[in-house]
Amino acid sequence: MEMHQMFLWIVYPYTVVAIVGMGIVWRYDASRGEESRSTAGKFLLLVVKVMMAASTATGLAIVLSSSMADELVLLLRWLISLAQLEPDISLILEISVLSKIHFVVVFLFLLSLAFTKEIYYLFKPHQYLKKIYLKLQYEKRG
């Protein structure tokens, strides 16, 4: 097993989970009244939106591909092995390159989301959809 594969499929997921957990603890109850954002904050929000779009696109590509049936079982078994703290890297090495790219993009999305105040959308995704709907309604009126 090569070192970069061990880092990518064992160390990286655990690091992302730890950072997202810290982001949830630190930002979940953050005040939502701040409307002004810095340039760095706006850039980070753009990164989050791009990563969300990329993860959705790669996820749809996986669903539309023909080799999905076996990969779902392997991916689920790999995620379970991560959750049990006994990661089995051989499971992730057997999946397609598209699925690997999808997981890296999803982890990047979660990692970038952890540094924004929108981290609470992980637990309340309906509020994100409501925010978009209200924004569209406001733009339509104004």
N, C-alpha and C. Protein backbone atom coordinates (compact mmCIF):
# COMPACT_ATOMS: atom_id res chain seq x y z
N MET A 1 0.84 -1.17 0.00
CA MET A 1 0.00 0.00 0.00
C MET A 1 0.89 1.25 0.00
N GLU A 2 0.60 2.17 -0.90
CA GLU A 2 1.40 3.36 -1.00
C GLU A 2 0.96 4.41 0.01
N MET A 3 1.90 5.28 0.37
CA MET A 3 1.64 6.27 1.40
C MET A 3 0.56 7.28 0.99
N HIS A 4 0.57 7.72 -0.27
CA HIS A 4 -0.43 8.70 -0.68
C HIS A 4 -1.84 8.12 -0.66
N GLN A 5 -1.97 6.83 -0.95
CA GLN A 5 -3.29 6.19 -0.88
C GLN A 5 -3.76 6.09 0.57
N MET A 6 -2.85 5.78 1.46
CA MET A 6 -3.20 5.71 2.87
C MET A 6 -3.65 7.08 3.38
N PHE A 7 -2.93 8.12 2.96
CA PHE A 7 -3.31 9.47 3.38
C PHE A 7 -4.68 9.84 2.81
N LEU A 8 -4.89 9.59 1.51
CA LEU A 8 -6.11 10.00 0.84
C LEU A 8 -7.35 9.27 1.34
N TRP A 9 -7.22 7.99 1.65
CA TRP A 9 -8.41 7.21 1.99
C TRP A 9 -8.55 6.87 3.47
N ILE A 10 -7.57 7.21 4.29
CA ILE A 10 -7.68 6.96 5.73
C ILE A 10 -7.52 8.25 6.52
N VAL A 11 -6.40 8.93 6.34
CA VAL A 11 -6.11 10.13 7.14
C VAL A 11 -7.04 11.27 6.75
N TYR A 12 -7.20 11.52 5.46
CA TYR A 12 -8.01 12.63 4.99
C TYR A 12 -9.46 12.57 5.45
N PRO A 13 -10.17 11.43 5.32
CA PRO A 13 -11.56 11.40 5.81
C PRO A 13 -11.68 11.66 7.32
N TYR A 14 -10.79 11.10 8.10
CA TYR A 14 -10.85 11.34 9.54
C TYR A 14 -10.55 12.80 9.88
N THR A 15 -9.64 13.42 9.15
CA THR A 15 -9.33 14.83 9.37
C THR A 15 -10.53 15.70 9.02
N VAL A 16 -11.18 15.40 7.91
CA VAL A 16 -12.37 16.16 7.52
C VAL A 16 -13.47 16.02 8.56
N VAL A 17 -13.69 14.82 9.05
CA VAL A 17 -14.72 14.61 10.08
C VAL A 17 -14.39 15.41 11.33
N ALA A 18 -13.13 15.43 11.74
CA ALA A 18 -12.74 16.18 12.93
C ALA A 18 -12.95 17.68 12.72
N ILE A 19 -12.58 18.20 11.57
CA ILE A 19 -12.73 19.63 11.29
C ILE A 19 -14.20 20.01 11.18
N VAL A 20 -14.99 19.19 10.52
CA VAL A 20 -16.43 19.46 10.43
C VAL A 20 -17.06 19.42 11.82
N GLY A 21 -16.65 18.47 12.63
CA GLY A 21 -17.16 18.41 14.01
C GLY A 21 -16.83 19.66 14.79
N MET A 22 -15.61 20.14 14.65
CA MET A 22 -15.23 21.39 15.33
C MET A 22 -16.02 22.57 14.76
N GLY A 23 -16.24 22.58 13.46
CA GLY A 23 -17.03 23.65 12.85
C GLY A 23 -18.45 23.66 13.36
N ILE A 24 -19.02 22.47 13.55
CA ILE A 24 -20.39 22.38 14.08
C ILE A 24 -20.44 22.91 15.50
N VAL A 25 -19.49 22.53 16.31
CA VAL A 25 -19.47 22.98 17.70
C VAL A 25 -19.28 24.49 17.77
N TRP A 26 -18.38 25.03 16.99
CA TRP A 26 -18.04 26.45 17.10
C TRP A 26 -19.02 27.37 16.37
N ARG A 27 -19.64 26.90 15.31
CA ARG A 27 -20.44 27.80 14.48
C ARG A 27 -21.93 27.51 14.48
N TYR A 28 -22.37 26.45 15.07
CA TYR A 28 -23.78 26.08 14.99
C TYR A 28 -24.67 27.14 15.61
N ASP A 29 -24.27 27.68 16.73
CA ASP A 29 -25.07 28.68 17.41
C ASP A 29 -24.60 30.10 17.12
N ALA A 30 -23.84 30.27 16.07
CA ALA A 30 -23.33 31.60 15.74
C ALA A 30 -24.48 32.51 15.34
N SER A 31 -24.29 33.77 15.57
CA SER A 31 -25.35 34.72 15.23
C SER A 31 -25.54 34.76 13.72
N ARG A 32 -26.78 34.81 13.33
CA ARG A 32 -27.10 34.84 11.90
C ARG A 32 -27.42 36.25 11.44
N GLY A 33 -27.25 37.21 12.31
CA GLY A 33 -27.62 38.58 12.00
C GLY A 33 -26.60 39.33 11.17
N GLU A 34 -25.42 38.79 11.01
CA GLU A 34 -24.39 39.49 10.26
C GLU A 34 -24.67 39.38 8.77
N GLU A 35 -25.00 40.50 8.18
CA GLU A 35 -25.26 40.50 6.74
C GLU A 35 -24.02 40.89 5.95
N SER A 36 -23.15 41.67 6.56
CA SER A 36 -21.95 42.08 5.84
C SER A 36 -20.90 40.97 5.92
N ARG A 37 -20.31 40.70 4.79
CA ARG A 37 -19.29 39.65 4.73
C ARG A 37 -18.02 40.24 4.14
N SER A 38 -16.93 39.70 4.59
CA SER A 38 -15.65 40.14 4.05
C SER A 38 -15.45 39.50 2.68
N THR A 39 -14.44 39.95 1.99
CA THR A 39 -14.12 39.38 0.69
C THR A 39 -13.73 37.91 0.82
N ALA A 40 -12.99 37.60 1.88
CA ALA A 40 -12.61 36.20 2.11
C ALA A 40 -13.83 35.35 2.39
N GLY A 41 -14.79 35.89 3.14
CA GLY A 41 -16.02 35.15 3.43
C GLY A 41 -16.85 34.90 2.19
N LYS A 42 -16.92 35.90 1.32
CA LYS A 42 -17.65 35.73 0.07
C LYS A 42 -16.97 34.71 -0.83
N PHE A 43 -15.63 34.75 -0.86
CA PHE A 43 -14.89 33.77 -1.66
C PHE A 43 -15.10 32.35 -1.13
N LEU A 44 -15.08 32.20 0.19
CA LEU A 44 -15.28 30.88 0.79
C LEU A 44 -16.69 30.36 0.49
N LEU A 45 -17.67 31.25 0.53
CA LEU A 45 -19.03 30.84 0.20
C LEU A 45 -19.13 30.41 -1.27
N LEU A 46 -18.40 31.10 -2.14
CA LEU A 46 -18.36 30.70 -3.55
C LEU A 46 -17.72 29.32 -3.71
N VAL A 47 -16.65 29.08 -2.96
CA VAL A 47 -15.99 27.77 -2.99
C VAL A 47 -16.96 26.68 -2.54
N VAL A 48 -17.72 26.96 -1.48
CA VAL A 48 -18.71 25.99 -0.98
C VAL A 48 -19.74 25.69 -2.05
N LYS A 49 -20.24 26.73 -2.71
CA LYS A 49 -21.25 26.51 -3.74
C LYS A 49 -20.70 25.73 -4.93
N VAL A 50 -19.46 26.02 -5.32
CA VAL A 50 -18.83 25.29 -6.43
C VAL A 50 -18.63 23.82 -6.05
N MET A 51 -18.17 23.58 -4.82
CA MET A 51 -17.96 22.21 -4.36
C MET A 51 -19.28 21.45 -4.26
N MET A 52 -20.35 22.13 -3.84
CA MET A 52 -21.66 21.49 -3.77
C MET A 52 -22.14 21.12 -5.17
N ALA A 53 -21.95 22.02 -6.13
CA ALA A 53 -22.34 21.73 -7.51
C ALA A 53 -21.50 20.59 -8.08
N ALA A 54 -20.20 20.60 -7.79
CA ALA A 54 -19.32 19.54 -8.30
C ALA A 54 -19.67 18.19 -7.68
N SER A 55 -19.98 18.18 -6.40
CA SER A 55 -20.34 16.90 -5.77
C SER A 55 -21.67 16.39 -6.31
N THR A 56 -22.59 17.29 -6.58
CA THR A 56 -23.87 16.88 -7.18
C THR A 56 -23.64 16.33 -8.59
N ALA A 57 -22.82 17.00 -9.36
CA ALA A 57 -22.55 16.56 -10.73
C ALA A 57 -21.87 15.19 -10.76
N THR A 58 -20.86 15.00 -9.90
CA THR A 58 -20.19 13.70 -9.89
C THR A 58 -21.11 12.61 -9.34
N GLY A 59 -21.96 12.97 -8.39
CA GLY A 59 -22.93 12.00 -7.88
C GLY A 59 -23.91 11.57 -8.95
N LEU A 60 -24.41 12.52 -9.72
CA LEU A 60 -25.30 12.18 -10.83
C LEU A 60 -24.60 11.34 -11.88
N ALA A 61 -23.34 11.65 -12.14
CA ALA A 61 -22.58 10.86 -13.12
C ALA A 61 -22.41 9.42 -12.65
N ILE A 62 -22.23 9.24 -11.34
CA ILE A 62 -22.11 7.88 -10.80
C ILE A 62 -23.42 7.14 -10.95
N VAL A 63 -24.53 7.82 -10.65
CA VAL A 63 -25.84 7.18 -10.75
C VAL A 63 -26.14 6.79 -12.20
N LEU A 64 -25.74 7.63 -13.13
CA LEU A 64 -26.01 7.35 -14.55
C LEU A 64 -25.05 6.34 -15.16
N SER A 65 -23.96 6.05 -14.46
CA SER A 65 -23.02 5.06 -15.00
C SER A 65 -23.56 3.66 -14.78
N SER A 66 -23.05 2.73 -15.54
CA SER A 66 -23.60 1.36 -15.49
C SER A 66 -22.99 0.51 -14.38
N SER A 67 -21.85 0.91 -13.84
CA SER A 67 -21.16 0.07 -12.85
C SER A 67 -21.54 0.42 -11.41
N MET A 68 -22.70 0.99 -11.23
CA MET A 68 -23.06 1.53 -9.92
C MET A 68 -23.42 0.44 -8.91
N ALA A 69 -24.00 -0.65 -9.32
CA ALA A 69 -24.54 -1.63 -8.39
C ALA A 69 -23.48 -2.18 -7.44
N ASP A 70 -22.35 -2.61 -7.96
CA ASP A 70 -21.30 -3.17 -7.12
C ASP A 70 -20.60 -2.10 -6.29
N GLU A 71 -20.50 -0.91 -6.84
CA GLU A 71 -19.78 0.15 -6.16
C GLU A 71 -20.50 0.64 -4.92
N LEU A 72 -21.82 0.64 -4.96
CA LEU A 72 -22.57 1.08 -3.77
C LEU A 72 -22.27 0.20 -2.57
N VAL A 73 -22.18 -1.09 -2.81
CA VAL A 73 -21.89 -2.02 -1.72
C VAL A 73 -20.47 -1.77 -1.19
N LEU A 74 -19.52 -1.61 -2.10
CA LEU A 74 -18.14 -1.35 -1.68
C LEU A 74 -18.01 -0.04 -0.92
N LEU A 75 -18.67 1.01 -1.43
CA LEU A 75 -18.60 2.31 -0.76
C LEU A 75 -19.24 2.27 0.62
N LEU A 76 -20.36 1.60 0.73
CA LEU A 76 -21.02 1.49 2.03
C LEU A 76 -20.17 0.69 3.01
N ARG A 77 -19.57 -0.39 2.54
CA ARG A 77 -18.70 -1.18 3.41
C ARG A 77 -17.48 -0.37 3.84
N TRP A 78 -16.94 0.46 2.92
CA TRP A 78 -15.79 1.30 3.27
C TRP A 78 -16.19 2.35 4.31
N LEU A 79 -17.35 2.98 4.13
CA LEU A 79 -17.81 3.97 5.10
C LEU A 79 -18.07 3.35 6.46
N ILE A 80 -18.62 2.14 6.47
CA ILE A 80 -18.85 1.44 7.73
C ILE A 80 -17.51 1.10 8.39
N SER A 81 -16.54 0.69 7.60
CA SER A 81 -15.22 0.38 8.18
C SER A 81 -14.57 1.64 8.75
N LEU A 82 -14.79 2.80 8.11
CA LEU A 82 -14.29 4.06 8.67
C LEU A 82 -14.99 4.38 9.98
N ALA A 83 -16.30 4.20 10.01
CA ALA A 83 -17.06 4.51 11.23
C ALA A 83 -16.67 3.58 12.38
N GLN A 84 -16.29 2.35 12.07
CA GLN A 84 -15.88 1.40 13.10
C GLN A 84 -14.42 1.57 13.49
N LEU A 85 -13.76 2.56 12.90
CA LEU A 85 -12.34 2.85 13.15
C LEU A 85 -11.42 1.69 12.77
N GLU A 86 -11.85 0.92 11.79
CA GLU A 86 -11.04 -0.15 11.22
C GLU A 86 -11.09 -0.03 9.70
N PRO A 87 -10.50 1.05 9.14
CA PRO A 87 -10.66 1.29 7.70
C PRO A 87 -10.03 0.20 6.84
N ASP A 88 -10.79 -0.22 5.84
CA ASP A 88 -10.33 -1.23 4.89
C ASP A 88 -10.08 -0.54 3.55
N ILE A 89 -8.83 -0.22 3.30
CA ILE A 89 -8.48 0.55 2.10
C ILE A 89 -8.65 -0.28 0.83
N SER A 90 -8.64 -1.59 0.94
CA SER A 90 -8.81 -2.42 -0.25
C SER A 90 -10.19 -2.23 -0.88
N LEU A 91 -11.18 -1.89 -0.07
CA LEU A 91 -12.53 -1.67 -0.61
C LEU A 91 -12.57 -0.44 -1.51
N ILE A 92 -11.94 0.63 -1.08
CA ILE A 92 -11.99 1.86 -1.85
C ILE A 92 -11.11 1.79 -3.10
N LEU A 93 -10.09 0.96 -3.07
CA LEU A 93 -9.22 0.84 -4.23
C LEU A 93 -9.88 0.09 -5.38
N GLU A 94 -10.96 -0.64 -5.09
CA GLU A 94 -11.64 -1.42 -6.12
C GLU A 94 -12.70 -0.64 -6.89
N ILE A 95 -13.04 0.58 -6.45
CA ILE A 95 -14.10 1.32 -7.12
C ILE A 95 -13.54 2.14 -8.28
N SER A 96 -14.43 2.70 -9.07
CA SER A 96 -14.01 3.45 -10.26
C SER A 96 -13.39 4.79 -9.89
N VAL A 97 -12.70 5.35 -10.84
CA VAL A 97 -12.05 6.65 -10.65
C VAL A 97 -13.10 7.74 -10.40
N LEU A 98 -14.25 7.65 -11.07
CA LEU A 98 -15.32 8.63 -10.88
C LEU A 98 -15.83 8.64 -9.44
N SER A 99 -15.99 7.47 -8.86
CA SER A 99 -16.44 7.39 -7.47
C SER A 99 -15.39 7.94 -6.52
N LYS A 100 -14.12 7.69 -6.82
CA LYS A 100 -13.05 8.24 -5.99
C LYS A 100 -13.04 9.77 -6.06
N ILE A 101 -13.20 10.29 -7.27
CA ILE A 101 -13.26 11.75 -7.44
C ILE A 101 -14.45 12.31 -6.68
N HIS A 102 -15.57 11.62 -6.73
CA HIS A 102 -16.77 12.07 -6.02
C HIS A 102 -16.50 12.17 -4.51
N PHE A 103 -15.88 11.17 -3.96
CA PHE A 103 -15.61 11.21 -2.53
C PHE A 103 -14.64 12.33 -2.16
N VAL A 104 -13.62 12.54 -2.97
CA VAL A 104 -12.68 13.63 -2.69
C VAL A 104 -13.41 14.98 -2.75
N VAL A 105 -14.27 15.16 -3.75
CA VAL A 105 -15.02 16.41 -3.88
C VAL A 105 -16.00 16.59 -2.71
N VAL A 106 -16.66 15.53 -2.31
CA VAL A 106 -17.58 15.63 -1.16
C VAL A 106 -16.81 16.00 0.11
N PHE A 107 -15.66 15.40 0.31
CA PHE A 107 -14.85 15.75 1.48
C PHE A 107 -14.38 17.20 1.41
N LEU A 108 -14.00 17.67 0.22
CA LEU A 108 -13.61 19.08 0.06
C LEU A 108 -14.79 20.00 0.34
N PHE A 109 -15.98 19.62 -0.11
CA PHE A 109 -17.18 20.40 0.17
C PHE A 109 -17.43 20.50 1.67
N LEU A 110 -17.37 19.37 2.37
CA LEU A 110 -17.59 19.39 3.81
C LEU A 110 -16.51 20.19 4.53
N LEU A 111 -15.28 20.07 4.05
CA LEU A 111 -14.17 20.80 4.66
C LEU A 111 -14.35 22.30 4.49
N SER A 112 -14.72 22.74 3.31
CA SER A 112 -14.92 24.18 3.10
C SER A 112 -16.17 24.66 3.82
N LEU A 113 -17.19 23.84 3.92
CA LEU A 113 -18.42 24.21 4.63
C LEU A 113 -18.16 24.43 6.11
N ALA A 114 -17.21 23.71 6.66
CA ALA A 114 -16.91 23.81 8.09
C ALA A 114 -16.41 25.19 8.48
N PHE A 115 -15.88 25.95 7.53
CA PHE A 115 -15.34 27.27 7.84
C PHE A 115 -16.33 28.40 7.56
N THR A 116 -17.57 28.06 7.26
CA THR A 116 -18.59 29.08 7.02
C THR A 116 -19.65 28.99 8.11
N LYS A 117 -20.48 30.01 8.18
CA LYS A 117 -21.55 29.97 9.16
C LYS A 117 -22.73 29.11 8.67
N GLU A 118 -22.66 28.64 7.44
CA GLU A 118 -23.71 27.79 6.89
C GLU A 118 -23.55 26.32 7.29
N ILE A 119 -22.67 26.03 8.21
CA ILE A 119 -22.44 24.65 8.64
C ILE A 119 -23.72 24.02 9.20
N TYR A 120 -24.60 24.84 9.76
CA TYR A 120 -25.82 24.30 10.34
C TYR A 120 -26.76 23.75 9.27
N TYR A 121 -26.50 24.04 7.99
CA TYR A 121 -27.32 23.47 6.92
C TYR A 121 -27.16 21.95 6.83
N LEU A 122 -26.10 21.41 7.41
CA LEU A 122 -25.95 19.96 7.42
C LEU A 122 -27.09 19.30 8.20
N PHE A 123 -27.54 19.98 9.25
CA PHE A 123 -28.62 19.42 10.07
C PHE A 123 -29.99 19.94 9.68
N LYS A 124 -30.03 21.07 8.99
CA LYS A 124 -31.31 21.66 8.59
C LYS A 124 -31.25 22.08 7.12
N PRO A 125 -31.16 21.12 6.21
CA PRO A 125 -31.03 21.48 4.80
C PRO A 125 -32.27 22.19 4.26
N HIS A 126 -33.43 21.97 4.88
CA HIS A 126 -34.63 22.66 4.43
C HIS A 126 -34.51 24.17 4.60
N GLN A 127 -33.73 24.63 5.58
CA GLN A 127 -33.54 26.07 5.76
C GLN A 127 -32.75 26.67 4.59
N TYR A 128 -31.82 25.90 4.04
CA TYR A 128 -31.07 26.38 2.88
C TYR A 128 -32.01 26.54 1.69
N LEU A 129 -32.86 25.56 1.47
CA LEU A 129 -33.82 25.65 0.37
C LEU A 129 -34.80 26.80 0.59
N LYS A 130 -35.21 26.98 1.84
CA LYS A 130 -36.12 28.08 2.17
C LYS A 130 -35.44 29.43 1.91
N LYS A 131 -34.17 29.53 2.27
CA LYS A 131 -33.42 30.77 2.04
C LYS A 131 -33.33 31.09 0.55
N ILE A 132 -33.07 30.09 -0.26
CA ILE A 132 -33.00 30.30 -1.71
C ILE A 132 -34.37 30.71 -2.24
N TYR A 133 -35.43 30.05 -1.79
CA TYR A 133 -36.78 30.38 -2.23
C TYR A 133 -37.14 31.81 -1.87
N LEU A 134 -36.86 32.21 -0.63
CA LEU A 134 -37.18 33.57 -0.21
C LEU A 134 -36.36 34.61 -0.98
N LYS A 135 -35.12 34.27 -1.28
CA LYS A 135 -34.28 35.18 -2.05
C LYS A 135 -34.84 35.36 -3.46
N LEU A 136 -35.29 34.27 -4.07
CA LEU A 136 -35.87 34.36 -5.41
C LEU A 136 -37.17 35.16 -5.39
N GLN A 137 -37.98 34.97 -4.35
CA GLN A 137 -39.23 35.72 -4.25
C GLN A 137 -38.97 37.21 -4.08
N TYR A 138 -37.95 37.54 -3.29
CA TYR A 138 -37.60 38.94 -3.06
C TYR A 138 -37.09 39.59 -4.35
N GLU A 139 -36.28 38.86 -5.10
CA GLU A 139 -35.76 39.39 -6.37
C GLU A 139 -36.88 39.57 -7.38
N LYS A 140 -37.86 38.69 -7.34
CA LYS A 140 -38.98 38.76 -8.29
C LYS A 140 -39.82 40.03 -8.02
N ARG A 141 -40.00 40.36 -6.74
CA ARG A 141 -40.80 41.54 -6.38
C ARG A 141 -40.04 42.84 -6.65
N GLY A 142 -38.74 42.81 -6.36
CA GLY A 142 -37.97 44.05 -6.44
C GLY A 142 -37.36 44.24 -7.74
